[in-house]
PDB file of N, CA and C in Angstrom:
ATOM      1  N   MET A   1      33.235  19.944  13.005  1.00  0.00           N
ATOM      2  CA  MET A   1      32.250  20.884  12.515  1.00  0.00           C
ATOM      3  C   MET A   1      31.978  21.919  13.610  1.00  0.00           C
ATOM      4  N   THR A   2      31.799  23.133  13.201  1.00  0.00           N
ATOM      5  CA  THR A   2      31.557  24.182  14.179  1.00  0.00           C
ATOM      6  C   THR A   2      30.095  24.212  14.600  1.00  0.00           C
ATOM      7  N   ARG A   3      29.864  24.808  15.730  1.00  0.00           N
ATOM      8  CA  ARG A   3      28.516  24.945  16.287  1.00  0.00           C
ATOM      9  C   ARG A   3      27.595  25.641  15.295  1.00  0.00           C
ATOM     10  N   GLN A   4      28.038  26.763  14.744  1.00  0.00           N
ATOM     11  CA  GLN A   4      27.202  27.531  13.823  1.00  0.00           C
ATOM     12  C   GLN A   4      26.894  26.737  12.559  1.00  0.00           C
ATOM     13  N   TYR A   5      27.850  25.971  12.085  1.00  0.00           N
ATOM     14  CA  TYR A   5      27.625  25.141  10.901  1.00  0.00           C
ATOM     15  C   TYR A   5      26.536  24.106  11.179  1.00  0.00           C
ATOM     16  N   LEU A   6      26.650  23.413  12.303  1.00  0.00           N
ATOM     17  CA  LEU A   6      25.662  22.394  12.648  1.00  0.00           C
ATOM     18  C   LEU A   6      24.273  22.998  12.787  1.00  0.00           C
ATOM     19  N   ILE A   7      24.184  24.120  13.468  1.00  0.00           N
ATOM     20  CA  ILE A   7      22.897  24.784  13.642  1.00  0.00           C
ATOM     21  C   ILE A   7      22.334  25.212  12.291  1.00  0.00           C
ATOM     22  N   GLY A   8      23.166  25.801  11.463  1.00  0.00           N
ATOM     23  CA  GLY A   8      22.716  26.260  10.152  1.00  0.00           C
ATOM     24  C   GLY A   8      22.246  25.124   9.264  1.00  0.00           C
ATOM     25  N   GLU A   9      23.003  24.044   9.234  1.00  0.00           N
ATOM     26  CA  GLU A   9      22.630  22.904   8.396  1.00  0.00           C
ATOM     27  C   GLU A   9      21.340  22.256   8.884  1.00  0.00           C
ATOM     28  N   LEU A  10      21.187  22.111  10.183  1.00  0.00           N
ATOM     29  CA  LEU A  10      19.950  21.539  10.708  1.00  0.00           C
ATOM     30  C   LEU A  10      18.782  22.481  10.441  1.00  0.00           C
ATOM     31  N   SER A  11      19.005  23.771  10.563  1.00  0.00           N
ATOM     32  CA  SER A  11      17.960  24.756  10.295  1.00  0.00           C
ATOM     33  C   SER A  11      17.487  24.685   8.846  1.00  0.00           C
ATOM     34  N   VAL A  12      18.402  24.535   7.909  1.00  0.00           N
ATOM     35  CA  VAL A  12      18.041  24.416   6.488  1.00  0.00           C
ATOM     36  C   VAL A  12      17.179  23.177   6.278  1.00  0.00           C
ATOM     37  N   ARG A  13      17.548  22.090   6.887  1.00  0.00           N
ATOM     38  CA  ARG A  13      16.781  20.855   6.728  1.00  0.00           C
ATOM     39  C   ARG A  13      15.412  20.968   7.379  1.00  0.00           C
ATOM     40  N   LEU A  14      15.328  21.685   8.475  1.00  0.00           N
ATOM     41  CA  LEU A  14      14.023  21.914   9.099  1.00  0.00           C
ATOM     42  C   LEU A  14      13.140  22.791   8.213  1.00  0.00           C
ATOM     43  N   GLU A  15      13.740  23.749   7.542  1.00  0.00           N
ATOM     44  CA  GLU A  15      12.987  24.584   6.603  1.00  0.00           C
ATOM     45  C   GLU A  15      12.425  23.723   5.467  1.00  0.00           C
ATOM     46  N   GLN A  16      13.206  22.776   5.002  1.00  0.00           N
ATOM     47  CA  GLN A  16      12.744  21.870   3.947  1.00  0.00           C
ATOM     48  C   GLN A  16      11.612  20.971   4.455  1.00  0.00           C
ATOM     49  N   LEU A  17      11.731  20.506   5.689  1.00  0.00           N
ATOM     50  CA  LEU A  17      10.678  19.695   6.288  1.00  0.00           C
ATOM     51  C   LEU A  17       9.402  20.513   6.442  1.00  0.00           C
ATOM     52  N   GLN A  18       9.550  21.733   6.880  1.00  0.00           N
ATOM     53  CA  GLN A  18       8.396  22.621   7.030  1.00  0.00           C
ATOM     54  C   GLN A  18       7.644  22.754   5.707  1.00  0.00           C
ATOM     55  N   ALA A  19       8.377  22.942   4.620  1.00  0.00           N
ATOM     56  CA  ALA A  19       7.764  23.117   3.304  1.00  0.00           C
ATOM     57  C   ALA A  19       7.063  21.847   2.817  1.00  0.00           C
ATOM     58  N   ALA A  20       7.474  20.699   3.328  1.00  0.00           N
ATOM     59  CA  ALA A  20       6.933  19.426   2.856  1.00  0.00           C
ATOM     60  C   ALA A  20       5.775  18.905   3.700  1.00  0.00           C
ATOM     61  N   THR A  21       5.400  19.623   4.755  1.00  0.00           N
ATOM     62  CA  THR A  21       4.393  19.097   5.669  1.00  0.00           C
ATOM     63  C   THR A  21       3.113  19.927   5.659  1.00  0.00           C
ATOM     64  N   ALA A  22       2.070  19.318   6.209  1.00  0.00           N
ATOM     65  CA  ALA A  22       0.773  19.986   6.362  1.00  0.00           C
ATOM     66  C   ALA A  22       0.907  21.123   7.379  1.00  0.00           C
ATOM     67  N   PRO A  23      -0.008  22.086   7.345  1.00  0.00           N
ATOM     68  CA  PRO A  23       0.105  23.270   8.207  1.00  0.00           C
ATOM     69  C   PRO A  23       0.280  22.985   9.713  1.00  0.00           C
ATOM     70  N   ALA A  24      -0.427  22.022  10.251  1.00  0.00           N
ATOM     71  CA  ALA A  24      -0.302  21.743  11.690  1.00  0.00           C
ATOM     72  C   ALA A  24       1.105  21.264  12.034  1.00  0.00           C
ATOM     73  N   THR A  25       1.634  20.374  11.237  1.00  0.00           N
ATOM     74  CA  THR A  25       2.991  19.873  11.463  1.00  0.00           C
ATOM     75  C   THR A  25       4.011  20.954  11.150  1.00  0.00           C
ATOM     76  N   ALA A  26       3.741  21.737  10.121  1.00  0.00           N
ATOM     77  CA  ALA A  26       4.659  22.815   9.756  1.00  0.00           C
ATOM     78  C   ALA A  26       4.853  23.775  10.924  1.00  0.00           C
ATOM     79  N   ARG A  27       3.794  24.048  11.668  1.00  0.00           N
ATOM     80  CA  ARG A  27       3.895  24.952  12.827  1.00  0.00           C
ATOM     81  C   ARG A  27       4.830  24.356  13.885  1.00  0.00           C
ATOM     82  N   GLU A  28       4.731  23.055  14.091  1.00  0.00           N
ATOM     83  CA  GLU A  28       5.630  22.384  15.038  1.00  0.00           C
ATOM     84  C   GLU A  28       7.081  22.480  14.566  1.00  0.00           C
ATOM     85  N   VAL A  29       7.274  22.360  13.269  1.00  0.00           N
ATOM     86  CA  VAL A  29       8.626  22.446  12.707  1.00  0.00           C
ATOM     87  C   VAL A  29       9.175  23.862  12.877  1.00  0.00           C
ATOM     88  N   VAL A  30       8.336  24.872  12.691  1.00  0.00           N
ATOM     89  CA  VAL A  30       8.753  26.266  12.913  1.00  0.00           C
ATOM     90  C   VAL A  30       9.228  26.441  14.356  1.00  0.00           C
ATOM     91  N   ASP A  31       8.457  25.923  15.301  1.00  0.00           N
ATOM     92  CA  ASP A  31       8.832  26.027  16.716  1.00  0.00           C
ATOM     93  C   ASP A  31      10.147  25.292  16.992  1.00  0.00           C
ATOM     94  N   LEU A  32      10.285  24.103  16.415  1.00  0.00           N
ATOM     95  CA  LEU A  32      11.514  23.324  16.591  1.00  0.00           C
ATOM     96  C   LEU A  32      12.708  24.060  15.993  1.00  0.00           C
ATOM     97  N   ARG A  33      12.519  24.630  14.836  1.00  0.00           N
ATOM     98  CA  ARG A  33      13.607  25.380  14.188  1.00  0.00           C
ATOM     99  C   ARG A  33      14.066  26.537  15.069  1.00  0.00           C
ATOM    100  N   TYR A  34      13.142  27.239  15.667  1.00  0.00           N
ATOM    101  CA  TYR A  34      13.494  28.334  16.576  1.00  0.00           C
ATOM    102  C   TYR A  34      14.312  27.799  17.758  1.00  0.00           C
ATOM    103  N   GLN A  35      13.890  26.675  18.308  1.00  0.00           N
ATOM    104  CA  GLN A  35      14.621  26.082  19.439  1.00  0.00           C
ATOM    105  C   GLN A  35      16.037  25.682  19.030  1.00  0.00           C
ATOM    106  N   VAL A  36      16.175  25.114  17.848  1.00  0.00           N
ATOM    107  CA  VAL A  36      17.496  24.712  17.350  1.00  0.00           C
ATOM    108  C   VAL A  36      18.393  25.932  17.169  1.00  0.00           C
ATOM    109  N   GLU A  37      17.824  26.998  16.611  1.00  0.00           N
ATOM    110  CA  GLU A  37      18.623  28.190  16.314  1.00  0.00           C
ATOM    111  C   GLU A  37      18.995  28.990  17.560  1.00  0.00           C
ATOM    112  N   THR A  38      18.233  28.866  18.622  1.00  0.00           N
ATOM    113  CA  THR A  38      18.489  29.678  19.821  1.00  0.00           C
ATOM    114  C   THR A  38      18.975  28.879  21.023  1.00  0.00           C
ATOM    115  N   GLY A  39      18.888  27.566  20.955  1.00  0.00           N
ATOM    116  CA  GLY A  39      19.263  26.734  22.096  1.00  0.00           C
ATOM    117  C   GLY A  39      20.736  26.382  22.102  1.00  0.00           C
ATOM    118  N   PRO A  40      21.139  25.684  23.139  1.00  0.00           N
ATOM    119  CA  PRO A  40      22.547  25.265  23.235  1.00  0.00           C
ATOM    120  C   PRO A  40      22.860  24.148  22.238  1.00  0.00           C
ATOM    121  N   VAL A  41      24.099  24.080  21.816  1.00  0.00           N
ATOM    122  CA  VAL A  41      24.516  23.057  20.859  1.00  0.00           C
ATOM    123  C   VAL A  41      24.284  21.659  21.429  1.00  0.00           C
ATOM    124  N   SER A  42      24.304  21.517  22.732  1.00  0.00           N
ATOM    125  CA  SER A  42      24.068  20.214  23.355  1.00  0.00           C
ATOM    126  C   SER A  42      22.656  19.698  23.095  1.00  0.00           C
ATOM    127  N   TRP A  43      21.759  20.572  22.672  1.00  0.00           N
ATOM    128  CA  TRP A  43      20.377  20.194  22.420  1.00  0.00           C
ATOM    129  C   TRP A  43      20.151  19.755  20.970  1.00  0.00           C
ATOM    130  N   LEU A  44      21.151  19.875  20.111  1.00  0.00           N
ATOM    131  CA  LEU A  44      20.971  19.559  18.696  1.00  0.00           C
ATOM    132  C   LEU A  44      20.562  18.106  18.447  1.00  0.00           C
ATOM    133  N   ALA A  45      21.112  17.176  19.188  1.00  0.00           N
ATOM    134  CA  ALA A  45      20.744  15.773  18.998  1.00  0.00           C
ATOM    135  C   ALA A  45      19.272  15.560  19.326  1.00  0.00           C
ATOM    136  N   ALA A  46      18.796  16.172  20.388  1.00  0.00           N
ATOM    137  CA  ALA A  46      17.373  16.076  20.735  1.00  0.00           C
ATOM    138  C   ALA A  46      16.511  16.756  19.679  1.00  0.00           C
ATOM    139  N   GLY A  47      16.978  17.875  19.159  1.00  0.00           N
ATOM    140  CA  GLY A  47      16.254  18.566  18.098  1.00  0.00           C
ATOM    141  C   GLY A  47      16.169  17.718  16.838  1.00  0.00           C
ATOM    142  N   LEU A  48      17.257  17.054  16.509  1.00  0.00           N
ATOM    143  CA  LEU A  48      17.258  16.165  15.351  1.00  0.00           C
ATOM    144  C   LEU A  48      16.286  15.013  15.573  1.00  0.00           C
ATOM    145  N   ALA A  49      16.307  14.430  16.755  1.00  0.00           N
ATOM    146  CA  ALA A  49      15.396  13.320  17.050  1.00  0.00           C
ATOM    147  C   ALA A  49      13.941  13.763  16.896  1.00  0.00           C
ATOM    148  N   ARG A  50      13.624  14.950  17.372  1.00  0.00           N
ATOM    149  CA  ARG A  50      12.257  15.475  17.242  1.00  0.00           C
ATOM    150  C   ARG A  50      11.926  15.708  15.766  1.00  0.00           C
ATOM    151  N   ALA A  51      12.853  16.229  14.993  1.00  0.00           N
ATOM    152  CA  ALA A  51      12.630  16.462  13.568  1.00  0.00           C
ATOM    153  C   ALA A  51      12.370  15.139  12.844  1.00  0.00           C
ATOM    154  N   LEU A  52      13.125  14.113  13.177  1.00  0.00           N
ATOM    155  CA  LEU A  52      12.918  12.811  12.560  1.00  0.00           C
ATOM    156  C   LEU A  52      11.553  12.245  12.924  1.00  0.00           C
ATOM    157  N   ALA A  53      11.130  12.449  14.159  1.00  0.00           N
ATOM    158  CA  ALA A  53       9.802  11.987  14.574  1.00  0.00           C
ATOM    159  C   ALA A  53       8.707  12.735  13.819  1.00  0.00           C
ATOM    160  N   LEU A  54       8.876  14.029  13.626  1.00  0.00           N
ATOM    161  CA  LEU A  54       7.899  14.815  12.869  1.00  0.00           C
ATOM    162  C   LEU A  54       7.852  14.374  11.406  1.00  0.00           C
ATOM    163  N   ALA A  55       9.009  14.109  10.829  1.00  0.00           N
ATOM    164  CA  ALA A  55       9.059  13.638   9.437  1.00  0.00           C
ATOM    165  C   ALA A  55       8.369  12.284   9.311  1.00  0.00           C
ATOM    166  N   ASP A  56       8.619  11.415  10.258  1.00  0.00           N
ATOM    167  CA  ASP A  56       7.991  10.096  10.259  1.00  0.00           C
ATOM    168  C   ASP A  56       6.475  10.218  10.362  1.00  0.00           C
ATOM    169  N   GLN A  57       6.005  11.045  11.274  1.00  0.00           N
ATOM    170  CA  GLN A  57       4.567  11.226  11.439  1.00  0.00           C
ATOM    171  C   GLN A  57       3.939  11.828  10.183  1.00  0.00           C
ATOM    172  N   ALA A  58       4.629  12.788   9.578  1.00  0.00           N
ATOM    173  CA  ALA A  58       4.126  13.390   8.342  1.00  0.00           C
ATOM    174  C   ALA A  58       3.999  12.337   7.245  1.00  0.00           C
ATOM    175  N   CYS A  59       4.969  11.438   7.157  1.00  0.00           N
ATOM    176  CA  CYS A  59       4.901  10.361   6.163  1.00  0.00           C
ATOM    177  C   CYS A  59       3.690   9.465   6.406  1.00  0.00           C
ATOM    178  N   TRP A  60       3.488   9.079   7.647  1.00  0.00           N
ATOM    179  CA  TRP A  60       2.330   8.226   7.966  1.00  0.00           C
ATOM    180  C   TRP A  60       1.015   8.942   7.675  1.00  0.00           C
ATOM    181  N   ASP A  61       0.949  10.219   8.001  1.00  0.00           N
ATOM    182  CA  ASP A  61      -0.263  10.990   7.715  1.00  0.00           C
ATOM    183  C   ASP A  61      -0.539  11.030   6.214  1.00  0.00           C
ATOM    184  N   SER A  62       0.508  11.214   5.420  1.00  0.00           N
ATOM    185  CA  SER A  62       0.345  11.241   3.964  1.00  0.00           C
ATOM    186  C   SER A  62      -0.115   9.887   3.435  1.00  0.00           C
ATOM    187  N   LEU A  63       0.447   8.828   3.975  1.00  0.00           N
ATOM    188  CA  LEU A  63       0.017   7.496   3.560  1.00  0.00           C
ATOM    189  C   LEU A  63      -1.447   7.263   3.916  1.00  0.00           C
ATOM    190  N   ASP A  64      -1.840   7.693   5.115  1.00  0.00           N
ATOM    191  CA  ASP A  64      -3.240   7.545   5.532  1.00  0.00           C
ATOM    192  C   ASP A  64      -4.188   8.287   4.596  1.00  0.00           C
ATOM    193  N   ARG A  65      -3.744   9.423   4.083  1.00  0.00           N
ATOM    194  CA  ARG A  65      -4.566  10.218   3.159  1.00  0.00           C
ATOM    195  C   ARG A  65      -4.446   9.726   1.712  1.00  0.00           C
ATOM    196  N   GLY A  66      -3.505   8.836   1.454  1.00  0.00           N
ATOM    197  CA  GLY A  66      -3.285   8.366   0.095  1.00  0.00           C
ATOM    198  C   GLY A  66      -2.564   9.387  -0.775  1.00  0.00           C
ATOM    199  N   ASP A  67      -1.803  10.268  -0.156  1.00  0.00           N
ATOM    200  CA  ASP A  67      -1.089  11.335  -0.882  1.00  0.00           C
ATOM    201  C   ASP A  67       0.350  10.892  -1.128  1.00  0.00           C
ATOM    202  N   ALA A  68       0.534  10.184  -2.233  1.00  0.00           N
ATOM    203  CA  ALA A  68       1.851   9.629  -2.541  1.00  0.00           C
ATOM    204  C   ALA A  68       2.891  10.706  -2.801  1.00  0.00           C
ATOM    205  N   ALA A  69       2.496  11.791  -3.451  1.00  0.00           N
ATOM    206  CA  ALA A  69       3.460  12.858  -3.766  1.00  0.00           C
ATOM    207  C   ALA A  69       4.007  13.488  -2.488  1.00  0.00           C
ATOM    208  N   ALA A  70       3.128  13.755  -1.531  1.00  0.00           N
ATOM    209  CA  ALA A  70       3.577  14.323  -0.252  1.00  0.00           C
ATOM    210  C   ALA A  70       4.480  13.328   0.476  1.00  0.00           C
ATOM    211  N   PHE A  71       4.099  12.055   0.445  1.00  0.00           N
ATOM    212  CA  PHE A  71       4.910  11.031   1.097  1.00  0.00           C
ATOM    213  C   PHE A  71       6.326  11.012   0.535  1.00  0.00           C
ATOM    214  N   VAL A  72       6.448  11.072  -0.779  1.00  0.00           N
ATOM    215  CA  VAL A  72       7.772  11.036  -1.420  1.00  0.00           C
ATOM    216  C   VAL A  72       8.617  12.216  -0.963  1.00  0.00           C
ATOM    217  N   ARG A  73       8.032  13.423  -0.943  1.00  0.00           N
ATOM    218  CA  ARG A  73       8.777  14.615  -0.489  1.00  0.00           C
ATOM    219  C   ARG A  73       9.204  14.471   0.977  1.00  0.00           C
ATOM    220  N   GLN A  74       8.277  14.022   1.812  1.00  0.00           N
ATOM    221  CA  GLN A  74       8.572  13.898   3.243  1.00  0.00           C
ATOM    222  C   GLN A  74       9.593  12.806   3.522  1.00  0.00           C
ATOM    223  N   ALA A  75       9.489  11.700   2.811  1.00  0.00           N
ATOM    224  CA  ALA A  75      10.456  10.611   2.999  1.00  0.00           C
ATOM    225  C   ALA A  75      11.858  11.058   2.587  1.00  0.00           C
ATOM    226  N   ALA A  76      11.955  11.789   1.488  1.00  0.00           N
ATOM    227  CA  ALA A  76      13.261  12.287   1.047  1.00  0.00           C
ATOM    228  C   ALA A  76      13.834  13.277   2.058  1.00  0.00           C
ATOM    229  N   THR A  77      12.988  14.133   2.595  1.00  0.00           N
ATOM    230  CA  THR A  77      13.440  15.100   3.598  1.00  0.00           C
ATOM    231  C   THR A  77      13.878  14.378   4.865  1.00  0.00           C
ATOM    232  N   GLY A  78      13.111  13.382   5.282  1.00  0.00           N
ATOM    233  CA  GLY A  78      13.481  12.598   6.460  1.00  0.00           C
ATOM    234  C   GLY A  78      14.795  11.861   6.268  1.00  0.00           C
ATOM    235  N   ALA A  79      14.994  11.311   5.075  1.00  0.00           N
ATOM    236  CA  ALA A  79      16.250  10.606   4.784  1.00  0.00           C
ATOM    237  C   ALA A  79      17.433  11.571   4.828  1.00  0.00           C
ATOM    238  N   ASP A  80      17.241  12.768   4.310  1.00  0.00           N
ATOM    239  CA  ASP A  80      18.305  13.780   4.344  1.00  0.00           C
ATOM    240  C   ASP A  80      18.605  14.193   5.789  1.00  0.00           C
ATOM    241  N   LEU A  81      17.571  14.346   6.592  1.00  0.00           N
ATOM    242  CA  LEU A  81      17.775  14.663   8.013  1.00  0.00           C
ATOM    243  C   LEU A  81      18.593  13.562   8.694  1.00  0.00           C
ATOM    244  N   ARG A  82      18.223  12.306   8.434  1.00  0.00           N
ATOM    245  CA  ARG A  82      18.915  11.166   9.046  1.00  0.00           C
ATOM    246  C   ARG A  82      20.384  11.140   8.617  1.00  0.00           C
ATOM    247  N   LEU A  83      20.636  11.315   7.325  1.00  0.00           N
ATOM    248  CA  LEU A  83      22.012  11.300   6.826  1.00  0.00           C
ATOM    249  C   LEU A  83      22.833  12.434   7.446  1.00  0.00           C
ATOM    250  N   PHE A  84      22.260  13.628   7.505  1.00  0.00           N
ATOM    251  CA  PHE A  84      22.959  14.740   8.141  1.00  0.00           C
ATOM    252  C   PHE A  84      23.284  14.397   9.595  1.00  0.00           C
ATOM    253  N   GLY A  85      22.296  13.877  10.307  1.00  0.00           N
ATOM    254  CA  GLY A  85      22.507  13.528  11.722  1.00  0.00           C
ATOM    255  C   GLY A  85      23.616  12.508  11.914  1.00  0.00           C
ATOM    256  N   GLU A  86      23.670  11.527  11.026  1.00  0.00           N
ATOM    257  CA  GLU A  86      24.724  10.521  11.126  1.00  0.00           C
ATOM    258  C   GLU A  86      26.085  11.119  10.811  1.00  0.00           C
ATOM    259  N   CYS A  87      26.152  11.920   9.764  1.00  0.00           N
ATOM    260  CA  CYS A  87      27.432  12.542   9.387  1.00  0.00           C
ATOM    261  C   CYS A  87      27.933  13.521  10.448  1.00  0.00           C
ATOM    262  N   ALA A  88      27.000  14.221  11.086  1.00  0.00           N
ATOM    263  CA  ALA A  88      27.351  15.192  12.128  1.00  0.00           C
ATOM    264  C   ALA A  88      27.490  14.517  13.494  1.00  0.00           C
ATOM    265  N   ARG A  89      27.279  13.213  13.530  1.00  0.00           N
ATOM    266  CA  ARG A  89      27.348  12.432  14.767  1.00  0.00           C
ATOM    267  C   ARG A  89      26.334  12.920  15.811  1.00  0.00           C
ATOM    268  N   LEU A  90      25.165  13.294  15.301  1.00  0.00           N
ATOM    269  CA  LEU A  90      24.059  13.680  16.179  1.00  0.00           C
ATOM    270  C   LEU A  90      23.056  12.542  16.310  1.00  0.00           C
ATOM    271  N   ALA A  91      23.149  11.547  15.434  1.00  0.00           N
ATOM    272  CA  ALA A  91      22.240  10.403  15.452  1.00  0.00           C
ATOM    273  C   ALA A  91      23.057   9.143  15.242  1.00  0.00           C
ATOM    274  N   GLY A  92      22.603   8.079  15.843  1.00  0.00           N
ATOM    275  CA  GLY A  92      23.284   6.812  15.654  1.00  0.00           C
ATOM    276  C   GLY A  92      22.986   6.223  14.300  1.00  0.00           C
ATOM    277  N   GLY A  93      23.914   5.476  13.767  1.00  0.00           N
ATOM    278  CA  GLY A  93      23.670   4.759  12.515  1.00  0.00           C
ATOM    279  C   GLY A  93      22.657   3.664  12.752  1.00  0.00           C
ATOM    280  N   GLY A  94      22.038   3.236  11.676  1.00  0.00           N
ATOM    281  CA  GLY A  94      21.039   2.307  11.999  1.00  0.00           C
ATOM    282  C   GLY A  94      20.779   1.184  11.231  1.00  0.00           C
TER     283      GLY A  94
END
C-alpha cells in the first residue's frame, strides 16, 4: 500500500470517528487527523493507536450517559479503525 493511500484511508476513518463523537472528543480527532495528514508515514501506527483510544473512550462515555445509539456508532467506527489497522499492518491482531 502506498503512503498516500494509507494516510487517506486513515483520514477517512478519522472523519467518521469525528462525526460519531461528542464535541470535546471531536476536537481531539480533528487535531489527530491533521497530524496524520501532515506527519511522516512512520507516525501512522501511533496515530491509529491514538484514534483507537479515542474511540474506546467515546464508547465508555456514551455508556456512562446511557446513550446506546451513540455507543453503537462509535463501536462500529472503532471496529472499522481496528480492521483497517490490521489490514494495513499498522496494528497487531488481537
